[in-house]
Amino acid sequence: MKLQFSKPQSLEEYVGQIPNIKSHTLLYGEMGVGKSTLGELLRDTYGYIFIDEIHRYQESILTLMNHDVVIGATKDLNLLCDDLRSKFVCHEVKPSEQELETILLTYLGKEDYIFDRSIITKIVRASRLNTRRSLRLFKRIQQYSKYVRDTNIISHNIVDYVIEKTDL
């Protein structure tokens, strides 16, 4: 069975802090932590305007901000000019270890694998608390267990081996 990761389809499925949006909000954080996913869910739920990689469109954004709530996402606040950045409430998207463990356990619950809970913590820590890296690393571990070791048991030895061979 192939492991399929899917983004949450609603705010109820989203794991992590959801900012209380009352005005223009800027979601920021490193690549792969879920800024775009959260922005898309806020757009779909509340009808806000969402602009991913907002730092690329600075000039044209100011006119939008007169009428609607704008949600922007960027990997680096310093890429925005001070004038534009000052118009936003800034919210850092940075999943906690527990939130990432919940995300991985959600996906593992759909699969037939045997593992110790500490395996999840090891994956999350090796991924440096990054959602995308955690999911990719888990997928590599799952594939190695299934196709190379021919087992549904995810052991610490398997995880350690894959982490060692993976460029995180």
N, C-alpha and C. Protein backbone atom coordinates (compact mmCIF):
# COMPACT_ATOMS: atom_id res chain seq x y z
N MET A 1 0.84 -1.18 0.00
CA MET A 1 0.00 0.00 0.00
C MET A 1 0.88 1.24 0.00
N LYS A 2 0.67 2.13 -0.92
CA LYS A 2 1.47 3.33 -1.03
C LYS A 2 0.99 4.37 -0.04
N LEU A 3 1.93 5.00 0.64
CA LEU A 3 1.60 6.02 1.61
C LEU A 3 1.30 7.32 0.90
N GLN A 4 0.12 7.85 1.11
CA GLN A 4 -0.29 9.10 0.49
C GLN A 4 -0.49 10.16 1.57
N PHE A 5 0.25 11.23 1.48
CA PHE A 5 0.06 12.34 2.39
C PHE A 5 -0.91 13.32 1.74
N SER A 6 -1.87 13.78 2.50
CA SER A 6 -2.79 14.77 1.96
C SER A 6 -2.89 15.93 2.94
N LYS A 7 -3.03 17.11 2.39
CA LYS A 7 -3.16 18.30 3.22
C LYS A 7 -4.52 18.27 3.91
N PRO A 8 -4.61 18.92 5.06
CA PRO A 8 -5.92 19.01 5.71
C PRO A 8 -6.90 19.75 4.81
N GLN A 9 -8.14 19.32 4.84
CA GLN A 9 -9.17 19.91 3.99
C GLN A 9 -9.99 20.98 4.71
N SER A 10 -9.80 21.12 6.01
CA SER A 10 -10.54 22.13 6.78
C SER A 10 -9.69 22.58 7.96
N LEU A 11 -10.08 23.69 8.57
CA LEU A 11 -9.36 24.16 9.75
C LEU A 11 -9.46 23.16 10.89
N GLU A 12 -10.55 22.40 10.94
CA GLU A 12 -10.71 21.38 11.99
C GLU A 12 -9.65 20.28 11.86
N GLU A 13 -9.22 19.99 10.65
CA GLU A 13 -8.20 18.95 10.43
C GLU A 13 -6.78 19.49 10.61
N TYR A 14 -6.63 20.81 10.60
CA TYR A 14 -5.30 21.42 10.69
C TYR A 14 -4.73 21.22 12.10
N VAL A 15 -3.49 20.78 12.17
CA VAL A 15 -2.81 20.60 13.45
C VAL A 15 -1.82 21.75 13.60
N GLY A 16 -2.01 22.57 14.61
CA GLY A 16 -1.13 23.71 14.85
C GLY A 16 -1.92 24.90 15.32
N GLN A 17 -1.21 25.97 15.62
CA GLN A 17 -1.85 27.18 16.10
C GLN A 17 -2.50 27.91 14.93
N ILE A 18 -3.75 28.29 15.13
CA ILE A 18 -4.48 29.06 14.13
C ILE A 18 -4.67 30.46 14.68
N PRO A 19 -4.11 31.46 14.01
CA PRO A 19 -4.23 32.82 14.54
C PRO A 19 -5.67 33.31 14.48
N ASN A 20 -6.03 34.16 15.43
CA ASN A 20 -7.35 34.79 15.44
C ASN A 20 -7.27 35.98 14.48
N ILE A 21 -7.83 35.82 13.29
CA ILE A 21 -7.69 36.82 12.23
C ILE A 21 -8.75 37.91 12.39
N LYS A 22 -8.30 39.13 12.65
CA LYS A 22 -9.21 40.27 12.70
C LYS A 22 -8.76 41.36 11.74
N SER A 23 -7.54 41.25 11.27
CA SER A 23 -7.01 42.24 10.33
C SER A 23 -5.97 41.55 9.45
N HIS A 24 -5.33 42.32 8.61
CA HIS A 24 -4.31 41.77 7.71
C HIS A 24 -3.28 40.99 8.53
N THR A 25 -3.00 39.78 8.09
CA THR A 25 -2.11 38.90 8.85
C THR A 25 -1.04 38.34 7.93
N LEU A 26 0.17 38.32 8.43
CA LEU A 26 1.30 37.79 7.69
C LEU A 26 1.78 36.52 8.38
N LEU A 27 1.71 35.41 7.67
CA LEU A 27 2.20 34.13 8.17
C LEU A 27 3.65 34.00 7.71
N TYR A 28 4.55 33.77 8.64
CA TYR A 28 5.95 33.64 8.24
C TYR A 28 6.59 32.45 8.94
N GLY A 29 7.64 31.95 8.35
CA GLY A 29 8.38 30.81 8.90
C GLY A 29 9.14 30.14 7.78
N GLU A 30 10.00 29.21 8.16
CA GLU A 30 10.84 28.56 7.15
C GLU A 30 9.99 27.74 6.18
N MET A 31 10.60 27.37 5.06
CA MET A 31 9.90 26.57 4.06
C MET A 31 9.50 25.23 4.66
N GLY A 32 8.27 24.81 4.35
CA GLY A 32 7.84 23.48 4.75
C GLY A 32 7.15 23.37 6.09
N VAL A 33 6.82 24.50 6.73
CA VAL A 33 6.19 24.42 8.05
C VAL A 33 4.67 24.53 8.00
N GLY A 34 4.09 24.83 6.84
CA GLY A 34 2.64 24.85 6.72
C GLY A 34 2.00 26.21 6.53
N LYS A 35 2.79 27.22 6.17
CA LYS A 35 2.23 28.56 5.97
C LYS A 35 1.19 28.57 4.85
N SER A 36 1.53 27.98 3.73
CA SER A 36 0.61 27.97 2.58
C SER A 36 -0.64 27.18 2.89
N THR A 37 -0.48 26.05 3.55
CA THR A 37 -1.65 25.23 3.91
C THR A 37 -2.58 26.02 4.81
N LEU A 38 -2.04 26.66 5.83
CA LEU A 38 -2.86 27.45 6.74
C LEU A 38 -3.52 28.62 6.01
N GLY A 39 -2.76 29.32 5.17
CA GLY A 39 -3.32 30.44 4.41
C GLY A 39 -4.45 30.01 3.50
N GLU A 40 -4.28 28.88 2.82
CA GLU A 40 -5.33 28.37 1.93
C GLU A 40 -6.58 27.98 2.72
N LEU A 41 -6.40 27.39 3.89
CA LEU A 41 -7.56 27.02 4.71
C LEU A 41 -8.30 28.25 5.22
N LEU A 42 -7.56 29.28 5.62
CA LEU A 42 -8.19 30.53 6.06
C LEU A 42 -8.94 31.19 4.91
N ARG A 43 -8.35 31.17 3.73
CA ARG A 43 -9.02 31.71 2.55
C ARG A 43 -10.31 30.96 2.27
N ASP A 44 -10.23 29.64 2.24
CA ASP A 44 -11.39 28.82 1.91
C ASP A 44 -12.48 28.90 2.97
N THR A 45 -12.10 29.06 4.23
CA THR A 45 -13.07 29.09 5.32
C THR A 45 -13.74 30.46 5.45
N TYR A 46 -12.94 31.53 5.37
CA TYR A 46 -13.47 32.86 5.65
C TYR A 46 -13.57 33.78 4.44
N GLY A 47 -13.05 33.35 3.30
CA GLY A 47 -13.12 34.17 2.10
C GLY A 47 -12.08 35.28 2.06
N TYR A 48 -11.05 35.18 2.89
CA TYR A 48 -9.99 36.18 2.86
C TYR A 48 -9.18 36.06 1.58
N ILE A 49 -8.48 37.12 1.25
CA ILE A 49 -7.54 37.07 0.14
C ILE A 49 -6.25 36.46 0.69
N PHE A 50 -5.72 35.44 0.01
CA PHE A 50 -4.47 34.82 0.43
C PHE A 50 -3.44 34.98 -0.67
N ILE A 51 -2.26 35.47 -0.28
CA ILE A 51 -1.17 35.66 -1.24
C ILE A 51 0.06 34.93 -0.71
N ASP A 52 0.39 33.84 -1.38
CA ASP A 52 1.58 33.07 -1.01
C ASP A 52 2.81 33.76 -1.58
N GLU A 53 3.92 33.67 -0.88
CA GLU A 53 5.17 34.33 -1.30
C GLU A 53 4.91 35.82 -1.54
N ILE A 54 4.25 36.44 -0.58
CA ILE A 54 3.80 37.83 -0.71
C ILE A 54 4.94 38.80 -0.99
N HIS A 55 6.14 38.47 -0.59
CA HIS A 55 7.28 39.37 -0.81
C HIS A 55 7.54 39.61 -2.30
N ARG A 56 7.02 38.75 -3.16
CA ARG A 56 7.22 38.92 -4.60
C ARG A 56 6.28 39.97 -5.21
N TYR A 57 5.23 40.34 -4.49
CA TYR A 57 4.18 41.20 -5.06
C TYR A 57 3.95 42.46 -4.25
N GLN A 58 4.94 42.99 -3.63
CA GLN A 58 4.78 44.09 -2.69
C GLN A 58 4.06 45.30 -3.27
N GLU A 59 4.40 45.68 -4.47
CA GLU A 59 3.85 46.90 -5.06
C GLU A 59 2.33 46.83 -5.21
N SER A 60 1.82 45.70 -5.67
CA SER A 60 0.39 45.60 -5.99
C SER A 60 -0.49 45.26 -4.79
N ILE A 61 0.09 44.96 -3.66
CA ILE A 61 -0.69 44.52 -2.50
C ILE A 61 -1.36 45.68 -1.79
N LEU A 62 -0.72 46.80 -1.75
CA LEU A 62 -1.24 47.93 -0.97
C LEU A 62 -2.65 48.32 -1.36
N THR A 63 -2.99 48.22 -2.64
CA THR A 63 -4.36 48.58 -3.06
C THR A 63 -5.39 47.58 -2.55
N LEU A 64 -5.02 46.31 -2.45
CA LEU A 64 -5.94 45.29 -1.92
C LEU A 64 -6.26 45.53 -0.45
N MET A 65 -5.32 46.10 0.26
CA MET A 65 -5.45 46.21 1.70
C MET A 65 -6.46 47.27 2.13
N ASN A 66 -6.98 48.04 1.21
CA ASN A 66 -7.97 49.05 1.57
C ASN A 66 -9.35 48.45 1.81
N HIS A 67 -9.62 47.27 1.29
CA HIS A 67 -10.98 46.74 1.33
C HIS A 67 -11.12 45.41 2.05
N ASP A 68 -10.24 44.49 1.81
CA ASP A 68 -10.40 43.14 2.31
C ASP A 68 -9.30 42.77 3.29
N VAL A 69 -9.56 41.71 4.04
CA VAL A 69 -8.51 41.15 4.89
C VAL A 69 -7.57 40.36 4.00
N VAL A 70 -6.31 40.68 4.09
CA VAL A 70 -5.30 40.00 3.29
C VAL A 70 -4.46 39.12 4.21
N ILE A 71 -4.31 37.86 3.81
CA ILE A 71 -3.43 36.94 4.50
C ILE A 71 -2.24 36.73 3.57
N GLY A 72 -1.06 36.99 4.06
CA GLY A 72 0.14 36.79 3.26
C GLY A 72 1.03 35.74 3.89
N ALA A 73 1.86 35.12 3.08
CA ALA A 73 2.82 34.13 3.59
C ALA A 73 4.19 34.42 2.98
N THR A 74 5.20 34.35 3.82
CA THR A 74 6.57 34.55 3.36
C THR A 74 7.52 33.74 4.24
N LYS A 75 8.63 33.37 3.66
CA LYS A 75 9.62 32.62 4.44
C LYS A 75 10.51 33.55 5.25
N ASP A 76 10.51 34.84 4.91
CA ASP A 76 11.42 35.77 5.57
C ASP A 76 10.79 37.16 5.65
N LEU A 77 10.52 37.63 6.85
CA LEU A 77 9.93 38.96 7.03
C LEU A 77 10.80 40.06 6.45
N ASN A 78 12.10 39.86 6.44
CA ASN A 78 13.02 40.88 5.94
C ASN A 78 12.92 41.09 4.44
N LEU A 79 12.23 40.20 3.73
CA LEU A 79 12.04 40.37 2.29
C LEU A 79 10.95 41.40 1.98
N LEU A 80 10.17 41.76 3.00
CA LEU A 80 9.12 42.77 2.81
C LEU A 80 9.64 44.14 3.20
N CYS A 81 9.21 45.16 2.46
CA CYS A 81 9.60 46.51 2.83
C CYS A 81 8.90 46.88 4.15
N ASP A 82 9.50 47.79 4.89
CA ASP A 82 8.98 48.16 6.21
C ASP A 82 7.55 48.69 6.12
N ASP A 83 7.24 49.47 5.08
CA ASP A 83 5.91 50.04 4.93
C ASP A 83 4.84 48.96 4.82
N LEU A 84 5.10 47.95 4.03
CA LEU A 84 4.13 46.87 3.87
C LEU A 84 4.07 46.00 5.12
N ARG A 85 5.21 45.66 5.68
CA ARG A 85 5.24 44.81 6.87
C ARG A 85 4.49 45.46 8.04
N SER A 86 4.55 46.78 8.14
CA SER A 86 3.90 47.48 9.25
C SER A 86 2.37 47.41 9.19
N LYS A 87 1.82 47.04 8.06
CA LYS A 87 0.37 46.95 7.90
C LYS A 87 -0.20 45.59 8.32
N PHE A 88 0.67 44.66 8.67
CA PHE A 88 0.25 43.30 9.01
C PHE A 88 0.47 42.98 10.49
N VAL A 89 -0.39 42.12 11.00
CA VAL A 89 -0.11 41.43 12.26
C VAL A 89 0.69 40.20 11.85
N CYS A 90 1.86 40.02 12.44
CA CYS A 90 2.73 38.91 12.05
C CYS A 90 2.51 37.70 12.95
N HIS A 91 2.40 36.54 12.33
CA HIS A 91 2.19 35.28 13.05
C HIS A 91 3.20 34.26 12.53
N GLU A 92 4.09 33.83 13.40
CA GLU A 92 5.08 32.83 12.99
C GLU A 92 4.44 31.45 12.99
N VAL A 93 4.59 30.75 11.88
CA VAL A 93 4.11 29.37 11.77
C VAL A 93 5.31 28.48 12.10
N LYS A 94 5.23 27.85 13.25
CA LYS A 94 6.35 27.02 13.72
C LYS A 94 5.75 25.88 14.53
N PRO A 95 5.58 24.73 13.90
CA PRO A 95 4.94 23.63 14.62
C PRO A 95 5.79 23.14 15.79
N SER A 96 5.11 22.75 16.84
CA SER A 96 5.80 22.20 18.00
C SER A 96 6.10 20.72 17.76
N GLU A 97 6.94 20.17 18.60
CA GLU A 97 7.26 18.74 18.49
C GLU A 97 5.98 17.91 18.64
N GLN A 98 5.14 18.28 19.59
CA GLN A 98 3.90 17.53 19.82
C GLN A 98 2.95 17.63 18.61
N GLU A 99 2.86 18.82 17.99
CA GLU A 99 2.00 18.98 16.81
C GLU A 99 2.50 18.11 15.66
N LEU A 100 3.80 18.09 15.43
CA LEU A 100 4.34 17.26 14.36
C LEU A 100 4.15 15.77 14.65
N GLU A 101 4.28 15.39 15.89
CA GLU A 101 4.02 13.99 16.25
C GLU A 101 2.57 13.63 15.95
N THR A 102 1.65 14.55 16.25
CA THR A 102 0.23 14.31 15.95
C THR A 102 0.00 14.14 14.46
N ILE A 103 0.65 14.99 13.65
CA ILE A 103 0.52 14.89 12.20
C ILE A 103 1.01 13.52 11.71
N LEU A 104 2.19 13.11 12.16
CA LEU A 104 2.73 11.81 11.73
C LEU A 104 1.87 10.66 12.21
N LEU A 105 1.39 10.74 13.44
CA LEU A 105 0.52 9.66 13.95
C LEU A 105 -0.78 9.58 13.17
N THR A 106 -1.27 10.72 12.70
CA THR A 106 -2.48 10.72 11.87
C THR A 106 -2.24 9.92 10.60
N TYR A 107 -1.11 10.15 9.95
CA TYR A 107 -0.80 9.41 8.73
C TYR A 107 -0.49 7.95 9.01
N LEU A 108 0.22 7.69 10.11
CA LEU A 108 0.53 6.31 10.47
C LEU A 108 -0.73 5.52 10.78
N GLY A 109 -1.74 6.20 11.31
CA GLY A 109 -2.99 5.52 11.63
C GLY A 109 -3.68 4.95 10.41
N LYS A 110 -3.33 5.44 9.24
CA LYS A 110 -3.93 4.96 7.99
C LYS A 110 -3.14 3.79 7.40
N GLU A 111 -2.04 3.45 8.02
CA GLU A 111 -1.16 2.41 7.51
C GLU A 111 -1.07 1.24 8.49
N ASP A 112 -0.60 0.13 8.01
CA ASP A 112 -0.47 -1.07 8.82
C ASP A 112 1.00 -1.27 9.21
N TYR A 113 1.46 -0.45 10.16
CA TYR A 113 2.85 -0.54 10.61
C TYR A 113 2.89 -0.74 12.11
N ILE A 114 3.91 -1.45 12.54
CA ILE A 114 4.15 -1.66 13.96
C ILE A 114 5.38 -0.84 14.32
N PHE A 115 5.26 -0.02 15.37
CA PHE A 115 6.36 0.86 15.75
C PHE A 115 6.19 1.29 17.20
N ASP A 116 7.29 1.70 17.77
CA ASP A 116 7.30 2.26 19.11
C ASP A 116 7.04 3.76 18.98
N ARG A 117 6.30 4.33 19.90
CA ARG A 117 5.97 5.76 19.85
C ARG A 117 7.23 6.64 19.78
N SER A 118 8.31 6.19 20.38
CA SER A 118 9.54 6.99 20.36
C SER A 118 10.11 7.14 18.95
N ILE A 119 9.70 6.28 18.03
CA ILE A 119 10.12 6.40 16.63
C ILE A 119 9.64 7.73 16.06
N ILE A 120 8.40 8.09 16.38
CA ILE A 120 7.82 9.34 15.88
C ILE A 120 8.63 10.53 16.39
N THR A 121 8.95 10.52 17.66
CA THR A 121 9.75 11.61 18.24
C THR A 121 11.10 11.71 17.55
N LYS A 122 11.71 10.58 17.28
CA LYS A 122 13.02 10.56 16.61
C LYS A 122 12.92 11.17 15.21
N ILE A 123 11.88 10.85 14.47
CA ILE A 123 11.68 11.39 13.12
C ILE A 123 11.49 12.90 13.18
N VAL A 124 10.64 13.35 14.10
CA VAL A 124 10.35 14.79 14.23
C VAL A 124 11.62 15.55 14.59
N ARG A 125 12.38 15.05 15.52
CA ARG A 125 13.61 15.75 15.93
C ARG A 125 14.66 15.75 14.82
N ALA A 126 14.78 14.64 14.10
CA ALA A 126 15.74 14.59 12.99
C ALA A 126 15.35 15.57 11.89
N SER A 127 14.07 15.85 11.78
CA SER A 127 13.56 16.77 10.75
C SER A 127 13.61 18.22 11.19
N ARG A 128 14.15 18.47 12.36
CA ARG A 128 14.30 19.82 12.91
C ARG A 128 12.96 20.58 12.94
N LEU A 129 11.93 19.89 13.41
CA LEU A 129 10.59 20.48 13.61
C LEU A 129 10.03 21.10 12.33
N ASN A 130 10.24 20.44 11.22
CA ASN A 130 9.73 20.92 9.94
C ASN A 130 8.74 19.90 9.39
N THR A 131 7.53 20.34 9.11
CA THR A 131 6.47 19.44 8.67
C THR A 131 6.85 18.70 7.40
N ARG A 132 7.27 19.43 6.38
CA ARG A 132 7.59 18.81 5.10
C ARG A 132 8.72 17.79 5.24
N ARG A 133 9.78 18.17 5.96
CA ARG A 133 10.90 17.23 6.16
C ARG A 133 10.45 16.00 6.94
N SER A 134 9.60 16.19 7.95
CA SER A 134 9.12 15.05 8.74
C SER A 134 8.34 14.07 7.88
N LEU A 135 7.45 14.60 7.05
CA LEU A 135 6.64 13.73 6.19
C LEU A 135 7.49 13.02 5.15
N ARG A 136 8.44 13.74 4.56
CA ARG A 136 9.32 13.11 3.57
C ARG A 136 10.20 12.04 4.20
N LEU A 137 10.73 12.34 5.37
CA LEU A 137 11.57 11.35 6.05
C LEU A 137 10.75 10.12 6.41
N PHE A 138 9.54 10.34 6.91
CA PHE A 138 8.72 9.18 7.24
C PHE A 138 8.42 8.35 6.00
N LYS A 139 8.16 9.01 4.88
CA LYS A 139 7.88 8.27 3.65
C LYS A 139 9.09 7.43 3.24
N ARG A 140 10.29 7.99 3.38
CA ARG A 140 11.50 7.22 3.05
C ARG A 140 11.66 6.02 3.99
N ILE A 141 11.38 6.24 5.26
CA ILE A 141 11.46 5.14 6.24
C ILE A 141 10.45 4.06 5.90
N GLN A 142 9.25 4.48 5.57
CA GLN A 142 8.18 3.53 5.21
C GLN A 142 8.58 2.73 3.98
N GLN A 143 9.11 3.39 2.97
CA GLN A 143 9.51 2.70 1.75
C GLN A 143 10.68 1.75 2.00
N TYR A 144 11.64 2.18 2.79
CA TYR A 144 12.78 1.32 3.11
C TYR A 144 12.32 0.08 3.88
N SER A 145 11.44 0.28 4.86
CA SER A 145 10.92 -0.86 5.63
C SER A 145 10.21 -1.86 4.74
N LYS A 146 9.37 -1.33 3.87
CA LYS A 146 8.53 -2.20 3.05
C LYS A 146 9.30 -2.85 1.91
N TYR A 147 10.04 -2.06 1.15
CA TYR A 147 10.63 -2.57 -0.09
C TYR A 147 12.03 -3.14 0.06
N VAL A 148 12.80 -2.67 1.02
CA VAL A 148 14.15 -3.18 1.20
C VAL A 148 14.18 -4.26 2.29
N ARG A 149 13.56 -3.96 3.41
CA ARG A 149 13.56 -4.91 4.53
C ARG A 149 12.37 -5.87 4.50
N ASP A 150 11.38 -5.59 3.66
CA ASP A 150 10.19 -6.43 3.51
C ASP A 150 9.51 -6.69 4.86
N THR A 151 9.25 -5.59 5.57
CA THR A 151 8.61 -5.69 6.88
C THR A 151 7.68 -4.51 7.11
N ASN A 152 6.70 -4.71 7.96
CA ASN A 152 5.84 -3.60 8.37
C ASN A 152 6.22 -3.13 9.77
N ILE A 153 7.35 -3.60 10.27
CA ILE A 153 7.85 -3.18 11.58
C ILE A 153 8.89 -2.08 11.36
N ILE A 154 8.61 -0.92 11.90
CA ILE A 154 9.55 0.20 11.81
C ILE A 154 10.36 0.21 13.10
N SER A 155 11.61 -0.19 12.99
CA SER A 155 12.49 -0.29 14.16
C SER A 155 13.40 0.93 14.26
N HIS A 156 14.02 1.08 15.42
CA HIS A 156 14.99 2.16 15.60
C HIS A 156 16.17 1.99 14.65
N ASN A 157 16.57 0.75 14.38
CA ASN A 157 17.68 0.51 13.45
C ASN A 157 17.34 1.01 12.05
N ILE A 158 16.13 0.74 11.61
CA ILE A 158 15.69 1.21 10.28
C ILE A 158 15.67 2.72 10.24
N VAL A 159 15.09 3.34 11.26
CA VAL A 159 15.00 4.80 11.31
C VAL A 159 16.40 5.41 11.33
N ASP A 160 17.27 4.89 12.16
CA ASP A 160 18.64 5.42 12.24
C ASP A 160 19.36 5.29 10.90
N TYR A 161 19.20 4.16 10.24
CA TYR A 161 19.85 3.95 8.95
C TYR A 161 19.34 4.96 7.91
N VAL A 162 18.04 5.13 7.82
CA VAL A 162 17.47 6.05 6.83
C VAL A 162 17.87 7.49 7.15
N ILE A 163 17.85 7.87 8.41
CA ILE A 163 18.26 9.23 8.79
C ILE A 163 19.72 9.46 8.39
N GLU A 164 20.57 8.48 8.65
CA GLU A 164 21.99 8.60 8.30
C GLU A 164 22.19 8.77 6.80
N LYS A 165 21.37 8.11 5.99
CA LYS A 165 21.52 8.15 4.54
C LYS A 165 20.75 9.29 3.87
N THR A 166 19.98 10.02 4.65
CA THR A 166 19.13 11.07 4.09
C THR A 166 19.76 12.43 4.34
N ASP A 167 19.75 13.27 3.32
CA ASP A 167 20.25 14.64 3.45
C ASP A 167 19.10 15.51 3.93
N LEU A 168 19.10 15.81 5.21
CA LEU A 168 18.05 16.64 5.78
C LEU A 168 18.51 18.07 5.83
